[in-house]
Amino acid sequence: QTGDICQACRLWLDTWHAILAIIERSEMDSLDEFDDRFGGTQCVFNWVQDLGTELHNAGLEEPAFFRERISLCETMLDRFAEGALPIDNFKTALAASHFELGDRETGDRLFRVWLEETPQWGSGWNSRSDCHWLFAKSEHKDAMRAEQILQEGLATPEVENKTHILERLQLLYDETGSDKK
């Protein structure tokens, strides 16, 4: 059956747990090592990112999938963050999933910690702001908080992707009728 994202995610999660079991039994230290030994058609890191995206989509139908996404992201951050893998997307997905489940405090705390560690993370400023405005549920939209976060990001010396932060701020102003700012 096409379009059954929830069932597809259940199968993906079974596969992910099997991969983790193989990594554990074989005492591998990284996903790269798994890829080197098993030589699939796609690297596991890319596959796991796709899984994270689809868990978000399934979570919109069944919120339990946001908890699965949190678990996936925590595993990636706890076990595979060392090395050359770009894992900022997992940080964003972890915090955003907490927001989706209504645990805004945990999501915001995670972003705050990461942005204190790496204040130049421009995408992190945007993503944190998005959780308060752009992607927030209507009852949780907080334009003032989103603006404050973006302004903090802009004030950060050597912040990456400053243009993207400015674009997001302009979008916020356009959507809230604050064009003059």
N, C-alpha and C. Protein backbone atom coordinates (compact mmCIF):
# COMPACT_ATOMS: atom_id res chain seq x y z
N GLN A 1 0.86 -1.18 0.00
CA GLN A 1 0.00 0.00 0.00
C GLN A 1 0.90 1.23 0.00
N THR A 2 0.64 2.18 -0.89
CA THR A 2 1.44 3.39 -0.95
C THR A 2 0.92 4.41 0.04
N GLY A 3 1.82 5.24 0.51
CA GLY A 3 1.42 6.33 1.37
C GLY A 3 1.26 5.98 2.84
N ASP A 4 1.55 4.77 3.24
CA ASP A 4 1.43 4.42 4.65
C ASP A 4 2.76 4.68 5.35
N ILE A 5 3.00 5.95 5.65
CA ILE A 5 4.26 6.37 6.23
C ILE A 5 4.51 5.73 7.60
N CYS A 6 3.46 5.53 8.36
CA CYS A 6 3.62 4.95 9.69
C CYS A 6 4.12 3.51 9.59
N GLN A 7 3.53 2.73 8.70
CA GLN A 7 3.98 1.34 8.54
C GLN A 7 5.40 1.30 7.98
N ALA A 8 5.70 2.18 7.04
CA ALA A 8 7.06 2.24 6.49
C ALA A 8 8.06 2.56 7.61
N CYS A 9 7.71 3.48 8.48
CA CYS A 9 8.61 3.84 9.58
C CYS A 9 8.80 2.68 10.55
N ARG A 10 7.77 1.90 10.77
CA ARG A 10 7.92 0.73 11.64
C ARG A 10 8.96 -0.24 11.05
N LEU A 11 8.89 -0.43 9.72
CA LEU A 11 9.87 -1.30 9.06
C LEU A 11 11.27 -0.70 9.12
N TRP A 12 11.37 0.61 8.89
CA TRP A 12 12.67 1.28 8.97
C TRP A 12 13.25 1.17 10.37
N LEU A 13 12.40 1.34 11.38
CA LEU A 13 12.90 1.24 12.76
C LEU A 13 13.38 -0.17 13.08
N ASP A 14 12.68 -1.18 12.57
CA ASP A 14 13.16 -2.56 12.75
C ASP A 14 14.54 -2.73 12.14
N THR A 15 14.72 -2.17 10.96
CA THR A 15 16.02 -2.26 10.29
C THR A 15 17.08 -1.49 11.07
N TRP A 16 16.75 -0.30 11.54
CA TRP A 16 17.69 0.50 12.32
C TRP A 16 18.12 -0.24 13.58
N HIS A 17 17.18 -0.86 14.27
CA HIS A 17 17.53 -1.61 15.48
C HIS A 17 18.41 -2.82 15.14
N ALA A 18 18.17 -3.43 14.00
CA ALA A 18 19.03 -4.55 13.57
C ALA A 18 20.45 -4.05 13.26
N ILE A 19 20.56 -2.90 12.63
CA ILE A 19 21.88 -2.31 12.34
C ILE A 19 22.61 -2.02 13.66
N LEU A 20 21.89 -1.40 14.60
CA LEU A 20 22.52 -1.11 15.90
C LEU A 20 22.98 -2.39 16.60
N ALA A 21 22.19 -3.45 16.50
CA ALA A 21 22.56 -4.73 17.13
C ALA A 21 23.83 -5.29 16.49
N ILE A 22 23.93 -5.18 15.18
CA ILE A 22 25.14 -5.65 14.48
C ILE A 22 26.35 -4.82 14.91
N ILE A 23 26.17 -3.51 14.98
CA ILE A 23 27.26 -2.62 15.40
C ILE A 23 27.72 -2.99 16.81
N GLU A 24 26.76 -3.23 17.69
CA GLU A 24 27.07 -3.58 19.08
C GLU A 24 27.80 -4.92 19.17
N ARG A 25 27.24 -5.94 18.51
CA ARG A 25 27.86 -7.28 18.56
C ARG A 25 29.24 -7.29 17.93
N SER A 26 29.43 -6.50 16.90
CA SER A 26 30.71 -6.48 16.20
C SER A 26 31.69 -5.48 16.79
N GLU A 27 31.25 -4.79 17.83
CA GLU A 27 32.08 -3.80 18.52
C GLU A 27 32.64 -2.75 17.57
N MET A 28 31.77 -2.28 16.66
CA MET A 28 32.16 -1.22 15.75
C MET A 28 32.03 0.13 16.45
N ASP A 29 32.85 1.06 16.02
CA ASP A 29 32.86 2.38 16.65
C ASP A 29 32.12 3.45 15.85
N SER A 30 31.77 3.15 14.61
CA SER A 30 31.18 4.20 13.79
C SER A 30 30.28 3.62 12.71
N LEU A 31 29.46 4.49 12.15
CA LEU A 31 28.63 4.09 11.01
C LEU A 31 29.50 3.88 9.77
N ASP A 32 30.58 4.63 9.67
CA ASP A 32 31.50 4.42 8.55
C ASP A 32 32.07 3.01 8.57
N GLU A 33 32.39 2.53 9.76
CA GLU A 33 32.91 1.17 9.87
C GLU A 33 31.85 0.15 9.45
N PHE A 34 30.61 0.39 9.83
CA PHE A 34 29.52 -0.48 9.39
C PHE A 34 29.44 -0.48 7.85
N ASP A 35 29.46 0.72 7.26
CA ASP A 35 29.40 0.83 5.80
C ASP A 35 30.57 0.11 5.14
N ASP A 36 31.76 0.25 5.70
CA ASP A 36 32.94 -0.41 5.12
C ASP A 36 32.80 -1.93 5.14
N ARG A 37 32.24 -2.45 6.20
CA ARG A 37 32.10 -3.91 6.31
C ARG A 37 30.96 -4.47 5.46
N PHE A 38 29.87 -3.70 5.31
CA PHE A 38 28.68 -4.25 4.67
C PHE A 38 28.43 -3.72 3.28
N GLY A 39 29.08 -2.65 2.90
CA GLY A 39 29.03 -2.16 1.52
C GLY A 39 27.66 -2.09 0.88
N GLY A 40 26.74 -1.40 1.49
CA GLY A 40 25.41 -1.25 0.91
C GLY A 40 25.40 -0.27 -0.25
N THR A 41 24.22 -0.02 -0.78
CA THR A 41 24.09 0.90 -1.91
C THR A 41 23.99 2.35 -1.47
N GLN A 42 23.81 2.57 -0.18
CA GLN A 42 23.73 3.91 0.37
C GLN A 42 24.40 3.88 1.74
N CYS A 43 25.08 4.98 2.10
CA CYS A 43 25.71 4.98 3.42
C CYS A 43 24.63 5.09 4.50
N VAL A 44 24.87 4.42 5.60
CA VAL A 44 23.89 4.35 6.68
C VAL A 44 23.58 5.75 7.22
N PHE A 45 24.59 6.62 7.29
CA PHE A 45 24.34 7.96 7.82
C PHE A 45 23.27 8.68 7.01
N ASN A 46 23.34 8.60 5.69
CA ASN A 46 22.32 9.24 4.84
C ASN A 46 20.96 8.57 5.05
N TRP A 47 20.97 7.27 5.13
CA TRP A 47 19.73 6.51 5.33
C TRP A 47 19.07 6.91 6.65
N VAL A 48 19.88 7.08 7.69
CA VAL A 48 19.35 7.45 9.01
C VAL A 48 18.77 8.86 8.98
N GLN A 49 19.38 9.77 8.23
CA GLN A 49 18.82 11.11 8.10
C GLN A 49 17.44 11.05 7.43
N ASP A 50 17.33 10.20 6.40
CA ASP A 50 16.03 10.02 5.75
C ASP A 50 15.01 9.44 6.74
N LEU A 51 15.44 8.51 7.55
CA LEU A 51 14.56 7.94 8.57
C LEU A 51 14.08 9.03 9.52
N GLY A 52 14.97 9.90 9.94
CA GLY A 52 14.58 11.00 10.83
C GLY A 52 13.51 11.89 10.22
N THR A 53 13.67 12.18 8.94
CA THR A 53 12.68 13.00 8.23
C THR A 53 11.33 12.31 8.18
N GLU A 54 11.34 11.04 7.86
CA GLU A 54 10.08 10.31 7.76
C GLU A 54 9.44 10.06 9.13
N LEU A 55 10.25 9.94 10.17
CA LEU A 55 9.68 9.83 11.52
C LEU A 55 8.94 11.11 11.89
N HIS A 56 9.46 12.25 11.44
CA HIS A 56 8.74 13.52 11.65
C HIS A 56 7.39 13.45 10.95
N ASN A 57 7.39 13.04 9.70
CA ASN A 57 6.14 12.98 8.93
C ASN A 57 5.15 12.01 9.58
N ALA A 58 5.65 10.87 10.03
CA ALA A 58 4.77 9.90 10.69
C ALA A 58 4.28 10.45 12.03
N GLY A 59 5.13 11.21 12.70
CA GLY A 59 4.75 11.80 13.99
C GLY A 59 3.59 12.77 13.87
N LEU A 60 3.44 13.37 12.71
CA LEU A 60 2.31 14.26 12.51
C LEU A 60 1.00 13.49 12.51
N GLU A 61 1.07 12.19 12.15
CA GLU A 61 -0.11 11.32 12.18
C GLU A 61 -0.24 10.59 13.52
N GLU A 62 0.89 10.09 14.02
CA GLU A 62 0.92 9.35 15.28
C GLU A 62 2.07 9.91 16.11
N PRO A 63 1.78 10.71 17.13
CA PRO A 63 2.83 11.37 17.90
C PRO A 63 3.89 10.44 18.50
N ALA A 64 3.59 9.18 18.68
CA ALA A 64 4.59 8.25 19.21
C ALA A 64 5.84 8.21 18.34
N PHE A 65 5.69 8.51 17.06
CA PHE A 65 6.86 8.52 16.18
C PHE A 65 7.81 9.67 16.51
N PHE A 66 7.32 10.73 17.14
CA PHE A 66 8.24 11.78 17.60
C PHE A 66 9.13 11.24 18.71
N ARG A 67 8.60 10.36 19.55
CA ARG A 67 9.43 9.74 20.59
C ARG A 67 10.49 8.83 19.96
N GLU A 68 10.10 8.13 18.90
CA GLU A 68 11.07 7.30 18.17
C GLU A 68 12.16 8.19 17.54
N ARG A 69 11.75 9.34 17.03
CA ARG A 69 12.71 10.28 16.44
C ARG A 69 13.66 10.81 17.51
N ILE A 70 13.14 11.09 18.68
CA ILE A 70 13.99 11.53 19.79
C ILE A 70 15.02 10.45 20.11
N SER A 71 14.58 9.21 20.19
CA SER A 71 15.49 8.10 20.47
C SER A 71 16.56 7.97 19.39
N LEU A 72 16.16 8.07 18.14
CA LEU A 72 17.10 8.00 17.03
C LEU A 72 18.15 9.12 17.15
N CYS A 73 17.69 10.33 17.38
CA CYS A 73 18.60 11.47 17.47
C CYS A 73 19.54 11.34 18.66
N GLU A 74 19.00 10.90 19.80
CA GLU A 74 19.85 10.71 20.98
C GLU A 74 20.92 9.66 20.71
N THR A 75 20.55 8.60 20.02
CA THR A 75 21.53 7.57 19.67
C THR A 75 22.62 8.14 18.78
N MET A 76 22.21 8.91 17.78
CA MET A 76 23.20 9.51 16.88
C MET A 76 24.13 10.45 17.64
N LEU A 77 23.58 11.24 18.52
CA LEU A 77 24.39 12.20 19.27
C LEU A 77 25.27 11.52 20.32
N ASP A 78 24.73 10.49 20.97
CA ASP A 78 25.48 9.81 22.02
C ASP A 78 26.55 8.86 21.48
N ARG A 79 26.23 8.17 20.39
CA ARG A 79 27.13 7.12 19.91
C ARG A 79 27.95 7.49 18.70
N PHE A 80 27.46 8.41 17.87
CA PHE A 80 28.12 8.63 16.59
C PHE A 80 28.48 10.10 16.33
N ALA A 81 28.49 10.92 17.37
CA ALA A 81 28.78 12.35 17.17
C ALA A 81 30.26 12.62 16.96
N GLU A 82 31.11 11.75 17.45
CA GLU A 82 32.54 11.93 17.26
C GLU A 82 32.91 11.61 15.82
N GLY A 83 33.85 12.32 15.30
CA GLY A 83 34.29 12.04 13.94
C GLY A 83 33.81 13.09 12.97
N ALA A 84 33.74 12.70 11.71
CA ALA A 84 33.50 13.65 10.63
C ALA A 84 32.03 13.80 10.23
N LEU A 85 31.14 13.06 10.86
CA LEU A 85 29.74 13.13 10.45
C LEU A 85 29.14 14.49 10.82
N PRO A 86 28.41 15.11 9.90
CA PRO A 86 27.73 16.36 10.24
C PRO A 86 26.44 16.07 11.01
N ILE A 87 26.38 16.32 12.30
CA ILE A 87 25.25 15.89 13.10
C ILE A 87 24.33 17.00 13.60
N ASP A 88 24.58 18.20 13.13
CA ASP A 88 23.70 19.30 13.55
C ASP A 88 22.24 19.07 13.22
N ASN A 89 21.97 18.37 12.12
CA ASN A 89 20.57 18.08 11.77
C ASN A 89 19.90 17.22 12.84
N PHE A 90 20.67 16.34 13.47
CA PHE A 90 20.10 15.50 14.53
C PHE A 90 19.83 16.33 15.79
N LYS A 91 20.68 17.31 16.05
CA LYS A 91 20.42 18.21 17.18
C LYS A 91 19.10 18.94 16.94
N THR A 92 18.96 19.51 15.75
CA THR A 92 17.74 20.24 15.43
C THR A 92 16.52 19.34 15.51
N ALA A 93 16.62 18.14 14.95
CA ALA A 93 15.48 17.21 14.96
C ALA A 93 15.12 16.79 16.39
N LEU A 94 16.14 16.61 17.24
CA LEU A 94 15.88 16.22 18.62
C LEU A 94 15.11 17.32 19.34
N ALA A 95 15.60 18.54 19.28
CA ALA A 95 14.93 19.64 19.96
C ALA A 95 13.53 19.88 19.38
N ALA A 96 13.43 19.88 18.06
CA ALA A 96 12.13 20.13 17.40
C ALA A 96 11.11 19.06 17.77
N SER A 97 11.55 17.82 17.93
CA SER A 97 10.64 16.74 18.31
C SER A 97 10.07 16.96 19.71
N HIS A 98 10.90 17.48 20.60
CA HIS A 98 10.39 17.82 21.94
C HIS A 98 9.32 18.90 21.83
N PHE A 99 9.57 19.90 20.99
CA PHE A 99 8.56 20.94 20.77
C PHE A 99 7.27 20.32 20.24
N GLU A 100 7.39 19.43 19.26
CA GLU A 100 6.21 18.79 18.66
C GLU A 100 5.38 18.03 19.67
N LEU A 101 6.05 17.45 20.66
CA LEU A 101 5.34 16.68 21.69
C LEU A 101 4.84 17.57 22.83
N GLY A 102 5.06 18.88 22.70
CA GLY A 102 4.59 19.81 23.71
C GLY A 102 5.57 20.08 24.82
N ASP A 103 6.74 19.49 24.77
CA ASP A 103 7.78 19.72 25.77
C ASP A 103 8.70 20.83 25.29
N ARG A 104 8.14 22.02 25.27
CA ARG A 104 8.84 23.19 24.74
C ARG A 104 10.05 23.54 25.61
N GLU A 105 9.94 23.32 26.90
CA GLU A 105 11.04 23.65 27.81
C GLU A 105 12.29 22.83 27.49
N THR A 106 12.13 21.53 27.28
CA THR A 106 13.28 20.68 26.96
C THR A 106 13.85 21.06 25.60
N GLY A 107 13.00 21.26 24.61
CA GLY A 107 13.48 21.64 23.29
C GLY A 107 14.27 22.94 23.33
N ASP A 108 13.75 23.92 24.03
CA ASP A 108 14.44 25.20 24.11
C ASP A 108 15.75 25.09 24.90
N ARG A 109 15.73 24.28 25.97
CA ARG A 109 16.95 24.09 26.77
C ARG A 109 18.05 23.44 25.93
N LEU A 110 17.69 22.46 25.10
CA LEU A 110 18.68 21.82 24.24
C LEU A 110 19.30 22.84 23.28
N PHE A 111 18.46 23.61 22.61
CA PHE A 111 19.00 24.63 21.72
C PHE A 111 19.90 25.60 22.49
N ARG A 112 19.48 26.03 23.65
CA ARG A 112 20.26 26.99 24.43
C ARG A 112 21.64 26.43 24.75
N VAL A 113 21.70 25.18 25.19
CA VAL A 113 22.98 24.55 25.53
C VAL A 113 23.88 24.49 24.29
N TRP A 114 23.34 24.02 23.18
CA TRP A 114 24.15 23.89 21.97
C TRP A 114 24.61 25.24 21.45
N LEU A 115 23.75 26.25 21.55
CA LEU A 115 24.14 27.58 21.07
C LEU A 115 25.13 28.25 22.02
N GLU A 116 25.12 27.90 23.28
CA GLU A 116 26.16 28.38 24.18
C GLU A 116 27.50 27.73 23.84
N GLU A 117 27.46 26.45 23.48
CA GLU A 117 28.68 25.73 23.10
C GLU A 117 29.23 26.23 21.76
N THR A 118 28.33 26.48 20.80
CA THR A 118 28.71 26.89 19.45
C THR A 118 27.82 28.05 19.01
N PRO A 119 28.10 29.25 19.50
CA PRO A 119 27.23 30.38 19.18
C PRO A 119 27.24 30.78 17.71
N GLN A 120 28.22 30.35 16.95
CA GLN A 120 28.29 30.69 15.53
C GLN A 120 27.36 29.84 14.67
N TRP A 121 26.67 28.89 15.27
CA TRP A 121 25.79 27.96 14.55
C TRP A 121 24.54 28.71 14.08
N GLY A 122 24.64 29.36 12.93
CA GLY A 122 23.54 30.16 12.41
C GLY A 122 22.26 29.38 12.19
N SER A 123 22.38 28.17 11.68
CA SER A 123 21.20 27.34 11.46
C SER A 123 20.52 26.99 12.77
N GLY A 124 21.30 26.90 13.83
CA GLY A 124 20.73 26.63 15.15
C GLY A 124 19.87 27.79 15.63
N TRP A 125 20.31 29.03 15.38
CA TRP A 125 19.51 30.19 15.75
C TRP A 125 18.19 30.19 14.98
N ASN A 126 18.27 29.91 13.68
CA ASN A 126 17.05 29.85 12.86
C ASN A 126 16.12 28.74 13.34
N SER A 127 16.66 27.57 13.57
CA SER A 127 15.83 26.43 13.97
C SER A 127 15.18 26.67 15.32
N ARG A 128 15.92 27.26 16.24
CA ARG A 128 15.34 27.55 17.55
C ARG A 128 14.19 28.55 17.40
N SER A 129 14.41 29.57 16.60
CA SER A 129 13.37 30.56 16.35
C SER A 129 12.15 29.92 15.67
N ASP A 130 12.41 29.04 14.71
CA ASP A 130 11.32 28.36 14.00
C ASP A 130 10.40 27.60 14.94
N CYS A 131 10.98 27.03 15.99
CA CYS A 131 10.17 26.27 16.95
C CYS A 131 9.24 27.18 17.75
N HIS A 132 9.55 28.46 17.76
CA HIS A 132 8.70 29.43 18.47
C HIS A 132 7.73 30.15 17.52
N TRP A 133 8.00 30.07 16.22
CA TRP A 133 7.13 30.81 15.30
C TRP A 133 6.79 30.01 14.05
N LEU A 134 7.72 29.89 13.15
CA LEU A 134 7.42 29.37 11.82
C LEU A 134 6.78 27.98 11.85
N PHE A 135 7.32 27.08 12.66
CA PHE A 135 6.80 25.71 12.71
C PHE A 135 6.04 25.42 14.01
N ALA A 136 5.82 26.44 14.81
CA ALA A 136 5.10 26.24 16.07
C ALA A 136 3.61 26.04 15.79
N LYS A 137 2.98 25.24 16.62
CA LYS A 137 1.53 25.10 16.54
C LYS A 137 0.92 26.46 16.85
N SER A 138 -0.22 26.74 16.26
CA SER A 138 -0.81 28.08 16.36
C SER A 138 -0.95 28.55 17.81
N GLU A 139 -1.30 27.66 18.70
CA GLU A 139 -1.48 28.08 20.10
C GLU A 139 -0.16 28.38 20.82
N HIS A 140 0.96 28.02 20.18
CA HIS A 140 2.26 28.25 20.80
C HIS A 140 3.11 29.29 20.07
N LYS A 141 2.56 29.89 19.02
CA LYS A 141 3.35 30.87 18.27
C LYS A 141 3.69 32.06 19.17
N ASP A 142 4.97 32.43 19.16
CA ASP A 142 5.46 33.53 19.97
C ASP A 142 6.43 34.35 19.14
N ALA A 143 5.87 35.30 18.40
CA ALA A 143 6.67 36.11 17.48
C ALA A 143 7.74 36.90 18.22
N MET A 144 7.42 37.41 19.40
CA MET A 144 8.41 38.19 20.14
C MET A 144 9.61 37.33 20.54
N ARG A 145 9.35 36.11 20.98
CA ARG A 145 10.44 35.21 21.37
C ARG A 145 11.26 34.82 20.13
N ALA A 146 10.58 34.55 19.03
CA ALA A 146 11.28 34.19 17.80
C ALA A 146 12.18 35.35 17.35
N GLU A 147 11.66 36.55 17.40
CA GLU A 147 12.46 37.72 17.02
C GLU A 147 13.66 37.88 17.94
N GLN A 148 13.45 37.72 19.23
CA GLN A 148 14.54 37.84 20.20
C GLN A 148 15.67 36.84 19.89
N ILE A 149 15.29 35.63 19.57
CA ILE A 149 16.29 34.59 19.26
C ILE A 149 17.07 34.97 18.00
N LEU A 150 16.36 35.42 16.97
CA LEU A 150 17.03 35.81 15.73
C LEU A 150 17.95 37.01 15.96
N GLN A 151 17.51 37.96 16.76
CA GLN A 151 18.35 39.12 17.06
C GLN A 151 19.60 38.70 17.83
N GLU A 152 19.46 37.75 18.75
CA GLU A 152 20.62 37.21 19.47
C GLU A 152 21.61 36.58 18.50
N GLY A 153 21.07 35.81 17.57
CA GLY A 153 21.93 35.19 16.56
C GLY A 153 22.67 36.23 15.73
N LEU A 154 21.96 37.26 15.32
CA LEU A 154 22.59 38.33 14.52
C LEU A 154 23.68 39.06 15.30
N ALA A 155 23.51 39.16 16.61
CA ALA A 155 24.47 39.87 17.45
C ALA A 155 25.70 39.01 17.78
N THR A 156 25.66 37.75 17.41
CA THR A 156 26.77 36.84 17.70
C THR A 156 27.92 37.08 16.73
N PRO A 157 29.11 37.39 17.24
CA PRO A 157 30.25 37.60 16.36
C PRO A 157 30.53 36.35 15.50
N GLU A 158 30.78 36.59 14.25
CA GLU A 158 31.15 35.54 13.29
C GLU A 158 30.10 34.44 13.15
N VAL A 159 28.82 34.80 13.34
CA VAL A 159 27.75 33.82 13.18
C VAL A 159 27.73 33.35 11.71
N GLU A 160 27.54 32.06 11.53
CA GLU A 160 27.45 31.48 10.19
C GLU A 160 26.07 31.75 9.60
N ASN A 161 26.00 31.84 8.29
CA ASN A 161 24.72 31.98 7.59
C ASN A 161 23.92 33.19 8.06
N LYS A 162 24.62 34.29 8.29
CA LYS A 162 23.96 35.50 8.77
C LYS A 162 22.84 35.93 7.82
N THR A 163 23.06 35.75 6.52
CA THR A 163 22.04 36.11 5.53
C THR A 163 20.77 35.31 5.76
N HIS A 164 20.90 34.04 6.11
CA HIS A 164 19.72 33.21 6.36
C HIS A 164 18.96 33.69 7.60
N ILE A 165 19.69 34.13 8.60
CA ILE A 165 19.03 34.66 9.80
C ILE A 165 18.28 35.94 9.43
N LEU A 166 18.91 36.80 8.64
CA LEU A 166 18.23 38.03 8.20
C LEU A 166 16.99 37.72 7.38
N GLU A 167 17.08 36.71 6.52
CA GLU A 167 15.92 36.32 5.70
C GLU A 167 14.77 35.82 6.58
N ARG A 168 15.12 35.04 7.61
CA ARG A 168 14.09 34.51 8.51
C ARG A 168 13.46 35.65 9.31
N LEU A 169 14.27 36.62 9.70
CA LEU A 169 13.75 37.78 10.43
C LEU A 169 12.81 38.59 9.54
N GLN A 170 13.19 38.75 8.27
CA GLN A 170 12.32 39.46 7.33
C GLN A 170 10.99 38.71 7.15
N LEU A 171 11.04 37.40 7.04
CA LEU A 171 9.83 36.60 6.93
C LEU A 171 8.95 36.79 8.16
N LEU A 172 9.55 36.78 9.33
CA LEU A 172 8.80 36.98 10.57
C LEU A 172 8.13 38.35 10.55
N TYR A 173 8.86 39.37 10.15
CA TYR A 173 8.30 40.72 10.10
C TYR A 173 7.17 40.81 9.07
N ASP A 174 7.37 40.17 7.93
CA ASP A 174 6.32 40.18 6.89
C ASP A 174 5.04 39.50 7.41
N GLU A 175 5.20 38.35 8.06
CA GLU A 175 4.05 37.59 8.52
C GLU A 175 3.33 38.23 9.71
N THR A 176 4.05 39.06 10.46
CA THR A 176 3.43 39.68 11.64
C THR A 176 3.04 41.13 11.40
N GLY A 177 3.21 41.57 10.16
CA GLY A 177 2.85 42.94 9.84
C GLY A 177 3.79 43.98 10.42
N SER A 178 5.00 43.58 10.67
CA SER A 178 6.03 44.48 11.23
C SER A 178 7.02 44.90 10.16
N ASP A 179 6.51 45.14 8.96
CA ASP A 179 7.37 45.44 7.81
C ASP A 179 8.35 46.58 8.07
N LYS A 180 7.98 47.54 8.88
CA LYS A 180 8.82 48.71 9.11
C LYS A 180 10.09 48.39 9.85
N LYS A 181 10.09 47.32 10.62
CA LYS A 181 11.30 46.92 11.34
C LYS A 181 12.37 46.51 10.35
